[in-house]
Amino acid sequence: MTVRTRIAPSPTGDPHVGTAYIALFNLCFARQHGGQFVLRIEDTDQQRSTAQSEQLIFDSLHWLGLDWDEGPDKGGPHGPYRQSERGDIYREYARQLVDAGHAFHCYRTPEELEVLRNSRREAGLATALKPSDLALPEAEVAKREAEGAPSVIRMYVPEEGVCTFQDRLRGEIEIDWAQVDAQILLKQDGMPTYHLANVVDDHLMEITHVIRGEEWINSAPKHKLLYEYLGWEMPELIHLPLLRNPDKSKLSKRKNPTSILFYQRMGFMPEALTNYLGRMGWSMPDESEKFTLEQMLEAFDIDRVSLGGPVFDMEKLRWLNGCWIREELTTEEFAERLIKNWSYNQEYLLPALKHLQQRVEIYSDVAPAACFLVSGMLEIDDENFRQGSRLELEKQREILQFSLWRMEDMLDWNRDLLFAMLKDLSEKMDIKLKDFLTPIFIAIAGSTSSFSVMDSMEILGPDMSRARLRHALEALGGVSKKAAKKLEKAYRKLDEGASGPEED
């Protein structure tokens, strides 16, 4: 048997360090067994998936030194490797499941589903909806079908009993079927959900080992059932521990930067970040903390993975990166990376220089004026905002949070779109644009004396701009869960069309 592993990221935002962590372990396992590592793109969310995000995934993984054998950019014998290009395949298998009595068309409306869930909740039952909950009289099904009512295809799942399955690291796992809902397989738009596409693709691409995060453990019963329904052998499951914040909560952008682009922009060496990700729940046989990707590939053993939640600690990463800078680079190599591969290069600085040229009188004025463009997180506190703006701190916090939520929804990033978005938000909040932009200036540049904040954010890019707004919110005391709920409510009132804060 040839070992084949895969990762399947969604191109819906900045490439996540969690994706790189899972990719690294899949790559190492495949190489350890002389097998292949596959990259496929899960772009069934047509509204949020973009070609730009897909390219960023490719670029970020390559920057970290991770490569794959088959994928959208490389081709291979099991393509296409984008789920959006495999729709006919999924629809055919969904029809097979319906014809075999393993799945059914569901015409329930969102309102009806909510009533059903509330009913189960009030009865003290799990909110997972079962086929018996969703069933409609045959006459009603026929009526809705004749009217062309929208429907989805759901899978049949047992209503009682326990599902057992094996995990290489965790042994036998049991999950009560009462917790498993009649999963949607094919959505109203004809696109598959993750669950159907994942099983079909893994089988057709001959994946032998599914190495993924532990958040997918609760989905394993659905996947096991689909493999049984389709008469296929299930790959071996290996669920890696989730990356954690220092407070042991799940790694999230609200507490720790999660974008690979952020770490690249901050000036971390790719070798150091890959090294650090390799230490997340795994260790070298000699317990050495600093090692290359080649050394990890040579020594890798998946059974050495520890299930205790690995903590992603920025300070520890900074220490490790310092070791790489001091121990692996000559002064000449350090200079070359600084000037050529990081921010002290013409490609990055030229857009800024056209603005700075209008504001300086001598060359020595450039460095102080441009320092915020080549810095990481700025040293700011509430006093900067208190002195820099005439607005109350609470109102400034609201501006920063609402702007951040809007920025998280932006698929394209340029100064004109940023200006239009911020101007629209200032009008909805009934705040003069100049006053509205002041706290954003402070968050992005550390003061209000910089050139256009929209131009600054375009140069810094979305990952660093969003990170600085989050950093500014923390400088203002942060946003508690209670305050966040209040802000979310106020945010949605501004614009009923706003989607609200994106989940981690």
Protein backbone atom coordinates (compact mmCIF):
# COMPACT_ATOMS: atom_id res chain seq x y z
CA MET A 1 0.00 0.00 0.00
CA THR A 2 1.28 3.44 -0.91
CA VAL A 3 0.67 5.92 1.90
CA ARG A 4 -1.23 9.00 0.75
CA THR A 5 -2.12 11.97 2.97
CA ARG A 6 -3.79 15.29 2.24
CA ILE A 7 -4.79 18.71 3.47
CA ALA A 8 -7.87 20.49 2.19
CA PRO A 9 -7.90 24.19 3.16
CA SER A 10 -10.69 26.60 2.26
CA PRO A 11 -9.59 29.70 0.29
CA THR A 12 -11.75 32.09 2.30
CA GLY A 13 -9.29 34.37 4.08
CA ASP A 14 -5.72 34.69 5.24
CA PRO A 15 -3.84 31.35 5.33
CA HIS A 16 -3.99 30.02 8.89
CA VAL A 17 -1.06 28.72 10.95
CA GLY A 18 -3.32 25.79 11.85
CA THR A 19 -3.38 24.83 8.17
CA ALA A 20 0.42 24.89 8.10
CA TYR A 21 0.57 22.78 11.30
CA ILE A 22 -1.69 20.09 9.82
CA ALA A 23 0.12 20.27 6.46
CA LEU A 24 3.51 19.80 8.14
CA PHE A 25 2.44 16.63 9.95
CA ASN A 26 0.76 15.21 6.84
CA LEU A 27 3.89 15.91 4.79
CA CYS A 28 6.18 14.31 7.37
CA PHE A 29 4.01 11.20 7.69
CA ALA A 30 3.83 10.72 3.92
CA ARG A 31 7.57 11.23 3.45
CA GLN A 32 8.37 8.91 6.36
CA HIS A 33 6.54 6.11 4.53
CA GLY A 34 7.75 6.98 1.04
CA GLY A 35 4.25 8.11 0.07
CA GLN A 36 2.54 11.12 -1.48
CA PHE A 37 1.10 14.30 0.01
CA VAL A 38 -1.89 15.90 -1.72
CA LEU A 39 -3.24 19.45 -1.56
CA ARG A 40 -6.85 20.01 -2.61
CA ILE A 41 -8.93 23.13 -2.30
CA GLU A 42 -12.30 23.05 -0.54
CA ASP A 43 -13.94 25.98 -2.30
CA THR A 44 -17.60 24.96 -2.13
CA ASP A 45 -18.36 28.23 -0.31
CA GLN A 46 -18.70 30.15 -3.55
CA GLN A 47 -19.49 33.47 -1.87
CA ARG A 48 -16.33 33.62 0.23
CA SER A 49 -13.83 31.57 -1.79
CA THR A 50 -11.43 33.59 -3.93
CA ALA A 51 -8.58 32.86 -6.31
CA GLN A 52 -6.48 35.35 -4.36
CA SER A 53 -6.93 33.42 -1.11
CA GLU A 54 -6.08 30.19 -2.91
CA GLN A 55 -2.83 31.68 -4.21
CA LEU A 56 -1.97 32.92 -0.72
CA ILE A 57 -2.31 29.36 0.57
CA PHE A 58 0.13 28.13 -2.08
CA ASP A 59 2.58 30.99 -1.45
CA SER A 60 2.46 30.72 2.35
CA LEU A 61 3.03 26.97 2.45
CA HIS A 62 5.89 27.28 -0.04
CA TRP A 63 7.37 30.11 2.05
CA LEU A 64 7.41 27.68 5.00
CA GLY A 65 9.22 25.09 2.89
CA LEU A 66 6.21 22.77 2.58
CA ASP A 67 5.53 21.17 -0.79
CA TRP A 68 3.02 18.68 -2.17
CA ASP A 69 2.98 16.05 -4.89
CA GLU A 70 -0.48 16.68 -6.37
CA GLY A 71 -2.73 19.71 -6.33
CA PRO A 72 -4.52 22.39 -8.37
CA ASP A 73 -1.24 24.03 -9.31
CA LYS A 74 0.56 20.76 -10.11
CA GLY A 75 -2.13 18.47 -11.46
CA GLY A 76 -2.01 14.74 -10.92
CA PRO A 77 -3.87 11.51 -11.73
CA HIS A 78 -6.75 12.19 -9.33
CA GLY A 79 -7.83 15.68 -10.39
CA PRO A 80 -9.45 18.03 -10.51
CA TYR A 81 -8.20 19.16 -7.13
CA ARG A 82 -10.71 21.98 -6.56
CA GLN A 83 -14.05 20.88 -5.17
CA SER A 84 -15.86 23.54 -7.20
CA GLU A 85 -14.76 21.61 -10.30
CA ARG A 86 -16.06 18.27 -9.00
CA GLY A 87 -19.75 19.09 -8.61
CA ASP A 88 -21.03 16.41 -10.99
CA ILE A 89 -19.10 13.76 -9.05
CA TYR A 90 -20.71 14.73 -5.74
CA ARG A 91 -24.20 14.98 -7.22
CA GLU A 92 -23.88 11.50 -8.69
CA TYR A 93 -22.92 9.97 -5.35
CA ALA A 94 -25.68 11.92 -3.58
CA ARG A 95 -28.19 10.41 -6.04
CA GLN A 96 -26.77 6.96 -5.38
CA LEU A 97 -27.27 7.43 -1.65
CA VAL A 98 -30.87 8.54 -2.17
CA ASP A 99 -31.62 5.66 -4.54
CA ALA A 100 -30.15 3.18 -2.05
CA GLY A 101 -32.28 4.57 0.78
CA HIS A 102 -29.32 6.00 2.69
CA ALA A 103 -30.27 9.66 2.11
CA PHE A 104 -33.42 11.67 1.50
CA HIS A 105 -34.66 14.98 0.11
CA CYS A 106 -35.56 17.34 2.94
CA TYR A 107 -37.98 20.20 2.28
CA ARG A 108 -38.00 21.62 5.78
CA THR A 109 -37.74 25.43 5.94
CA PRO A 110 -35.26 27.24 8.22
CA GLU A 111 -38.18 28.36 10.40
CA GLU A 112 -39.40 24.79 10.79
CA LEU A 113 -35.93 23.59 11.65
CA GLU A 114 -35.62 26.20 14.39
CA VAL A 115 -38.97 25.12 15.87
CA LEU A 116 -37.84 21.50 15.84
CA ARG A 117 -34.57 22.31 17.58
CA ASN A 118 -36.28 24.43 20.21
CA SER A 119 -38.75 21.61 20.83
CA ARG A 120 -35.93 19.14 21.42
CA ARG A 121 -34.10 21.64 23.61
CA GLU A 122 -37.19 22.21 25.76
CA ALA A 123 -37.60 18.45 26.12
CA GLY A 124 -34.04 18.19 27.41
CA LEU A 125 -32.88 16.30 24.32
CA ALA A 126 -29.83 16.79 22.11
CA THR A 127 -30.56 19.32 19.38
CA ALA A 128 -29.26 17.03 16.63
CA LEU A 129 -32.20 16.52 14.25
CA LYS A 130 -32.99 12.97 13.20
CA PRO A 131 -34.78 11.69 10.08
CA SER A 132 -37.90 11.05 12.17
CA ASP A 133 -37.88 14.70 13.32
CA LEU A 134 -37.56 15.95 9.77
CA ALA A 135 -40.09 13.62 8.14
CA LEU A 136 -43.08 15.22 6.41
CA PRO A 137 -46.26 13.46 5.24
CA GLU A 138 -45.88 12.09 1.71
CA ALA A 139 -48.60 14.41 0.47
CA GLU A 140 -46.79 17.43 1.87
CA VAL A 141 -43.51 16.31 0.30
CA ALA A 142 -45.25 15.90 -3.05
CA LYS A 143 -46.89 19.32 -2.70
CA ARG A 144 -43.62 21.10 -1.93
CA GLU A 145 -41.83 19.24 -4.69
CA ALA A 146 -44.55 20.22 -7.20
CA GLU A 147 -44.28 23.85 -6.08
CA GLY A 148 -40.54 23.78 -6.70
CA ALA A 149 -39.76 24.38 -3.05
CA PRO A 150 -36.02 24.37 -2.22
CA SER A 151 -34.65 21.18 -0.74
CA VAL A 152 -31.43 19.62 0.47
CA ILE A 153 -30.24 16.02 0.56
CA ARG A 154 -29.63 14.68 4.05
CA MET A 155 -28.18 11.35 5.17
CA TYR A 156 -29.96 8.83 7.34
CA VAL A 157 -28.31 8.33 10.73
CA PRO A 158 -29.19 5.94 13.57
CA GLU A 159 -31.49 7.40 16.20
CA GLU A 160 -30.02 5.46 19.12
CA GLY A 161 -26.98 3.45 20.07
CA VAL A 162 -23.27 4.26 19.97
CA CYS A 163 -20.82 4.67 17.10
CA THR A 164 -17.32 3.32 17.73
CA PHE A 165 -14.27 3.99 15.60
CA GLN A 166 -10.51 3.78 15.92
CA ASP A 167 -8.07 6.64 16.13
CA ARG A 168 -4.38 5.85 15.89
CA LEU A 169 -3.43 8.19 18.72
CA ARG A 170 -6.52 7.88 20.91
CA GLY A 171 -7.55 4.25 20.49
CA GLU A 172 -11.25 3.40 20.39
CA ILE A 173 -13.62 6.37 20.52
CA GLU A 174 -17.33 6.14 21.25
CA ILE A 175 -19.90 8.78 20.29
CA ASP A 176 -23.60 8.50 21.05
CA TRP A 177 -25.67 8.59 17.87
CA ALA A 178 -28.06 10.94 19.71
CA GLN A 179 -25.44 13.66 19.20
CA VAL A 180 -25.24 13.14 15.43
CA ASP A 181 -27.71 14.93 13.18
CA ALA A 182 -29.10 13.92 9.80
CA GLN A 183 -26.27 15.74 8.06
CA ILE A 184 -26.92 17.77 4.91
CA LEU A 185 -24.90 16.23 2.09
CA LEU A 186 -25.99 18.40 -0.83
CA LYS A 187 -27.05 22.01 -0.30
CA GLN A 188 -29.86 23.84 -2.08
CA ASP A 189 -27.40 25.26 -4.62
CA GLY A 190 -26.27 21.75 -5.56
CA MET A 191 -22.91 22.13 -3.87
CA PRO A 192 -21.79 19.48 -1.37
CA THR A 193 -21.12 20.03 2.29
CA TYR A 194 -17.69 19.24 3.66
CA HIS A 195 -18.84 15.82 4.82
CA LEU A 196 -19.89 14.38 1.47
CA ALA A 197 -17.06 16.01 -0.48
CA ASN A 198 -14.49 14.93 2.11
CA VAL A 199 -15.48 11.26 1.96
CA VAL A 200 -15.86 11.12 -1.84
CA ASP A 201 -12.59 12.93 -2.49
CA ASP A 202 -10.58 10.95 0.04
CA HIS A 203 -11.79 7.70 -1.54
CA LEU A 204 -11.30 8.72 -5.17
CA MET A 205 -7.90 10.26 -4.40
CA GLU A 206 -6.89 7.05 -2.62
CA ILE A 207 -6.10 8.76 0.69
CA THR A 208 -4.92 6.12 3.17
CA HIS A 209 -4.49 8.23 6.31
CA VAL A 210 -6.60 11.22 7.33
CA ILE A 211 -4.52 13.41 9.64
CA ARG A 212 -6.59 16.36 10.82
CA GLY A 213 -7.41 18.44 13.89
CA GLU A 214 -9.33 16.99 16.81
CA GLU A 215 -12.24 19.34 16.13
CA TRP A 216 -13.31 16.80 13.48
CA ILE A 217 -13.67 13.90 15.92
CA ASN A 218 -17.40 14.50 16.33
CA SER A 219 -17.82 14.31 12.54
CA ALA A 220 -16.17 10.90 12.29
CA PRO A 221 -19.43 8.94 12.84
CA LYS A 222 -21.00 10.63 9.80
CA HIS A 223 -17.94 9.87 7.72
CA LYS A 224 -17.77 6.27 8.88
CA LEU A 225 -21.44 5.83 8.00
CA LEU A 226 -20.92 7.30 4.52
CA TYR A 227 -18.04 4.93 3.87
CA GLU A 228 -20.29 2.03 4.88
CA TYR A 229 -23.18 3.27 2.73
CA LEU A 230 -20.90 3.59 -0.30
CA GLY A 231 -19.15 0.27 0.31
CA TRP A 232 -15.71 1.81 0.69
CA GLU A 233 -12.89 1.21 3.15
CA MET A 234 -12.36 4.08 5.57
CA PRO A 235 -8.85 5.58 5.81
CA GLU A 236 -7.00 5.39 9.12
CA LEU A 237 -7.93 8.36 11.32
CA ILE A 238 -5.35 10.41 13.20
CA HIS A 239 -6.70 13.43 15.05
CA LEU A 240 -4.01 15.90 16.11
CA PRO A 241 -4.43 18.09 19.21
CA LEU A 242 -5.68 21.62 18.64
CA LEU A 243 -3.28 24.54 18.89
CA ARG A 244 -4.01 26.55 22.04
CA ASN A 245 -3.56 30.10 23.26
CA PRO A 246 -1.43 30.52 26.41
CA ASP A 247 -4.68 30.52 28.43
CA LYS A 248 -5.41 27.03 26.98
CA SER A 249 -8.33 28.26 24.87
CA LYS A 250 -8.50 27.29 21.19
CA LEU A 251 -6.08 29.34 19.09
CA SER A 252 -8.05 32.26 17.67
CA LYS A 253 -7.25 35.53 15.93
CA ARG A 254 -8.85 37.45 18.79
CA LYS A 255 -6.15 36.30 21.22
CA ASN A 256 -3.22 35.38 18.99
CA PRO A 257 -2.41 36.28 15.38
CA THR A 258 -3.31 33.25 13.25
CA SER A 259 -2.41 34.40 9.74
CA ILE A 260 0.81 33.02 8.27
CA LEU A 261 1.10 36.35 6.44
CA PHE A 262 1.26 38.14 9.80
CA TYR A 263 4.33 36.16 10.86
CA GLN A 264 5.95 36.73 7.49
CA ARG A 265 5.23 40.46 7.74
CA MET A 266 6.48 40.59 11.34
CA GLY A 267 9.89 39.35 10.23
CA PHE A 268 9.94 35.77 11.44
CA MET A 269 12.15 33.35 9.53
CA PRO A 270 10.12 30.65 7.74
CA GLU A 271 12.55 28.01 9.02
CA ALA A 272 11.87 29.10 12.61
CA LEU A 273 8.07 29.10 12.21
CA THR A 274 8.13 25.64 10.61
CA ASN A 275 10.44 24.47 13.42
CA TYR A 276 8.03 25.87 16.01
CA LEU A 277 4.98 24.26 14.40
CA GLY A 278 6.86 20.96 14.43
CA ARG A 279 7.13 21.26 18.21
CA MET A 280 3.37 21.55 18.59
CA GLY A 281 2.56 18.25 20.27
CA TRP A 282 5.65 16.49 18.93
CA SER A 283 9.32 16.38 19.85
CA MET A 284 12.59 15.13 18.40
CA PRO A 285 13.93 11.87 19.88
CA ASP A 286 16.73 13.84 21.58
CA GLU A 287 14.25 16.54 22.76
CA SER A 288 16.17 19.25 20.87
CA GLU A 289 14.11 22.41 20.45
CA LYS A 290 15.76 23.74 17.31
CA PHE A 291 15.72 21.57 14.20
CA THR A 292 15.35 21.88 10.44
CA LEU A 293 12.53 20.51 8.35
CA GLU A 294 14.94 17.93 6.93
CA GLN A 295 15.83 16.76 10.44
CA MET A 296 12.14 16.51 11.34
CA LEU A 297 11.41 14.51 8.18
CA GLU A 298 14.21 12.10 9.03
CA ALA A 299 13.18 11.59 12.67
CA PHE A 300 9.39 11.84 12.36
CA ASP A 301 7.17 9.33 14.12
CA ILE A 302 3.45 10.13 14.35
CA ASP A 303 3.15 7.96 17.45
CA ARG A 304 5.30 10.47 19.35
CA VAL A 305 2.52 13.06 19.13
CA SER A 306 1.33 14.14 22.60
CA LEU A 307 -2.40 14.74 23.00
CA GLY A 308 -2.00 17.53 25.54
CA GLY A 309 -3.09 20.77 23.85
CA PRO A 310 0.10 22.39 22.48
CA VAL A 311 0.39 26.06 23.42
CA PHE A 312 1.25 28.51 20.64
CA ASP A 313 3.29 31.05 22.60
CA MET A 314 4.47 34.12 20.70
CA GLU A 315 7.28 34.80 23.16
CA LYS A 316 8.62 31.25 22.75
CA LEU A 317 8.44 31.64 18.98
CA ARG A 318 10.34 34.93 19.18
CA TRP A 319 13.05 33.23 21.28
CA LEU A 320 13.35 30.39 18.79
CA ASN A 321 13.48 32.81 15.86
CA GLY A 322 16.29 34.66 17.63
CA CYS A 323 18.21 31.39 17.88
CA TRP A 324 17.84 30.89 14.14
CA ILE A 325 19.00 34.44 13.37
CA ARG A 326 22.07 34.19 15.61
CA GLU A 327 23.05 30.58 14.93
CA GLU A 328 22.16 30.01 11.29
CA LEU A 329 22.82 33.30 9.51
CA THR A 330 26.10 35.06 8.82
CA THR A 331 25.98 38.86 9.07
CA GLU A 332 25.93 39.00 5.27
CA GLU A 333 23.03 36.54 5.08
CA PHE A 334 21.17 38.48 7.77
CA ALA A 335 21.61 41.68 5.77
CA GLU A 336 20.49 39.97 2.56
CA ARG A 337 17.30 38.63 4.14
CA LEU A 338 16.55 41.96 5.78
CA ILE A 339 16.88 43.90 2.54
CA LYS A 340 15.83 41.35 -0.05
CA ASN A 341 13.27 39.12 1.60
CA TRP A 342 11.65 41.36 4.19
CA SER A 343 10.45 44.98 4.17
CA TYR A 344 13.60 46.95 3.42
CA ASN A 345 13.27 46.52 -0.31
CA GLN A 346 12.15 48.70 -3.18
CA GLU A 347 9.00 46.72 -3.95
CA TYR A 348 7.61 47.24 -0.44
CA LEU A 349 8.89 50.75 0.28
CA LEU A 350 8.30 52.43 -3.10
CA PRO A 351 4.53 52.87 -2.56
CA ALA A 352 5.29 54.51 0.79
CA LEU A 353 8.08 56.72 -0.53
CA LYS A 354 5.77 58.51 -2.97
CA HIS A 355 3.81 59.70 0.07
CA LEU A 356 6.84 60.36 2.28
CA GLN A 357 8.58 62.39 -0.44
CA GLN A 358 5.89 65.04 -0.05
CA ARG A 359 6.40 65.23 3.73
CA VAL A 360 10.18 65.18 4.35
CA GLU A 361 12.82 67.86 3.98
CA ILE A 362 15.98 65.80 4.48
CA TYR A 363 16.70 62.10 4.08
CA SER A 364 17.04 61.56 7.81
CA ASP A 365 13.35 62.47 8.13
CA VAL A 366 12.38 59.30 6.25
CA ALA A 367 13.16 56.69 8.91
CA PRO A 368 11.05 58.29 11.69
CA ALA A 369 8.18 58.90 9.28
CA ALA A 370 8.24 55.36 7.88
CA CYS A 371 9.08 53.40 11.03
CA PHE A 372 5.47 52.27 11.57
CA LEU A 373 5.53 50.58 8.14
CA VAL A 374 8.45 48.33 9.13
CA SER A 375 7.40 47.75 12.74
CA GLY A 376 5.40 44.99 14.34
CA MET A 377 2.88 45.84 17.04
CA LEU A 378 3.12 49.51 18.01
CA GLU A 379 3.73 50.68 21.58
CA ILE A 380 0.43 52.42 22.25
CA ASP A 381 -1.88 52.65 25.24
CA ASP A 382 -5.13 54.37 26.15
CA GLU A 383 -3.27 57.67 26.64
CA ASN A 384 -2.51 57.81 22.92
CA PHE A 385 -6.22 57.62 22.19
CA ARG A 386 -7.18 59.96 25.02
CA GLN A 387 -4.82 62.69 23.75
CA GLY A 388 -5.23 62.01 20.04
CA SER A 389 -9.02 62.13 19.78
CA ARG A 390 -11.81 64.20 21.22
CA LEU A 391 -14.12 61.20 21.24
CA GLU A 392 -14.76 59.21 24.40
CA LEU A 393 -12.64 56.07 24.72
CA GLU A 394 -15.77 53.91 24.60
CA LYS A 395 -16.76 55.45 21.27
CA GLN A 396 -13.23 54.95 19.92
CA ARG A 397 -13.36 51.32 20.98
CA GLU A 398 -16.65 50.97 19.11
CA ILE A 399 -15.15 52.52 15.96
CA LEU A 400 -12.18 50.16 16.06
CA GLN A 401 -14.31 47.05 16.64
CA PHE A 402 -16.86 47.88 13.95
CA SER A 403 -14.09 48.74 11.47
CA LEU A 404 -12.31 45.49 12.26
CA TRP A 405 -15.46 43.47 11.64
CA ARG A 406 -15.94 45.20 8.29
CA MET A 407 -12.31 44.59 7.37
CA GLU A 408 -12.64 40.89 8.20
CA ASP A 409 -15.41 40.69 5.60
CA MET A 410 -13.35 42.37 2.86
CA LEU A 411 -12.28 39.98 0.10
CA ASP A 412 -10.39 42.65 -1.86
CA TRP A 413 -8.01 45.09 -0.24
CA ASN A 414 -7.11 48.51 -1.64
CA ARG A 415 -7.22 52.12 -0.49
CA ASP A 416 -10.37 53.03 -2.44
CA LEU A 417 -12.39 50.12 -1.06
CA LEU A 418 -11.09 50.87 2.44
CA PHE A 419 -12.06 54.52 2.14
CA ALA A 420 -15.54 53.70 0.84
CA MET A 421 -16.08 51.18 3.63
CA LEU A 422 -14.88 53.50 6.42
CA LYS A 423 -16.82 56.48 5.05
CA ASP A 424 -19.99 54.40 4.88
CA LEU A 425 -19.45 53.19 8.44
CA SER A 426 -18.80 56.71 9.75
CA GLU A 427 -22.05 57.91 8.17
CA LYS A 428 -24.02 55.03 9.67
CA MET A 429 -22.51 55.80 13.08
CA ASP A 430 -23.20 59.54 12.56
CA ILE A 431 -19.59 60.52 13.24
CA LYS A 432 -17.66 63.06 11.17
CA LEU A 433 -15.14 61.22 8.98
CA LYS A 434 -12.16 63.09 10.43
CA ASP A 435 -13.13 62.16 13.98
CA PHE A 436 -13.99 58.62 12.90
CA LEU A 437 -10.58 58.04 11.31
CA THR A 438 -8.55 59.37 14.24
CA PRO A 439 -8.49 56.18 16.36
CA ILE A 440 -7.76 54.15 13.22
CA PHE A 441 -4.79 56.44 12.47
CA ILE A 442 -3.49 55.84 15.99
CA ALA A 443 -4.02 52.06 15.72
CA ILE A 444 -2.28 51.82 12.34
CA ALA A 445 0.48 54.46 12.58
CA GLY A 446 0.75 55.23 16.29
CA SER A 447 -0.27 58.87 15.75
CA THR A 448 -2.42 61.10 13.55
CA SER A 449 0.55 62.75 11.82
CA SER A 450 1.04 60.02 9.22
CA PHE A 451 -0.02 60.16 5.59
CA SER A 452 -3.42 58.76 4.56
CA VAL A 453 -4.41 55.86 6.78
CA MET A 454 -6.05 54.15 3.80
CA ASP A 455 -2.76 54.23 1.87
CA SER A 456 -0.96 53.00 5.00
CA MET A 457 -3.32 50.04 5.35
CA GLU A 458 -2.96 49.16 1.68
CA ILE A 459 0.83 49.05 2.11
CA LEU A 460 0.71 47.13 5.39
CA GLY A 461 -1.79 44.64 3.97
CA PRO A 462 -4.91 43.12 5.55
CA ASP A 463 -3.16 40.78 7.99
CA MET A 464 -1.05 43.47 9.68
CA SER A 465 -3.78 46.11 9.52
CA ARG A 466 -6.31 43.85 11.23
CA ALA A 467 -3.73 42.74 13.78
CA ARG A 468 -3.00 46.37 14.69
CA LEU A 469 -6.69 47.13 15.18
CA ARG A 470 -6.95 44.12 17.50
CA HIS A 471 -3.82 45.30 19.30
CA ALA A 472 -5.36 48.78 19.67
CA LEU A 473 -8.51 47.29 21.18
CA GLU A 474 -6.36 45.49 23.74
CA ALA A 475 -4.54 48.77 24.44
CA LEU A 476 -7.96 50.25 25.23
CA GLY A 477 -8.66 47.52 27.74
CA GLY A 478 -9.97 44.83 25.43
CA VAL A 479 -13.56 43.77 24.82
CA SER A 480 -15.19 41.41 27.31
CA LYS A 481 -17.68 38.75 26.21
CA LYS A 482 -20.53 40.80 27.62
CA ALA A 483 -19.34 43.96 25.88
CA ALA A 484 -18.77 42.02 22.64
CA LYS A 485 -22.40 40.87 22.60
CA LYS A 486 -23.56 44.43 23.13
CA LEU A 487 -21.31 45.66 20.33
CA GLU A 488 -22.49 42.91 17.98
CA LYS A 489 -26.09 43.95 18.57
CA ALA A 490 -25.28 47.60 17.88
CA TYR A 491 -23.24 46.63 14.82
CA ARG A 492 -26.10 44.68 13.27
CA LYS A 493 -28.49 47.56 13.86
CA LEU A 494 -26.25 49.81 11.77
CA ASP A 495 -26.75 47.71 8.70
CA GLU A 496 -29.10 44.78 8.52
CA GLY A 497 -27.04 43.60 5.52
CA ALA A 498 -23.87 43.29 7.59
CA SER A 499 -22.93 39.67 8.21
CA GLY A 500 -21.51 40.36 11.66
CA PRO A 501 -18.21 39.18 13.09
CA GLU A 502 -16.64 36.19 11.38
CA GLU A 503 -16.20 33.06 13.47
CA ASP A 504 -12.69 31.73 14.13
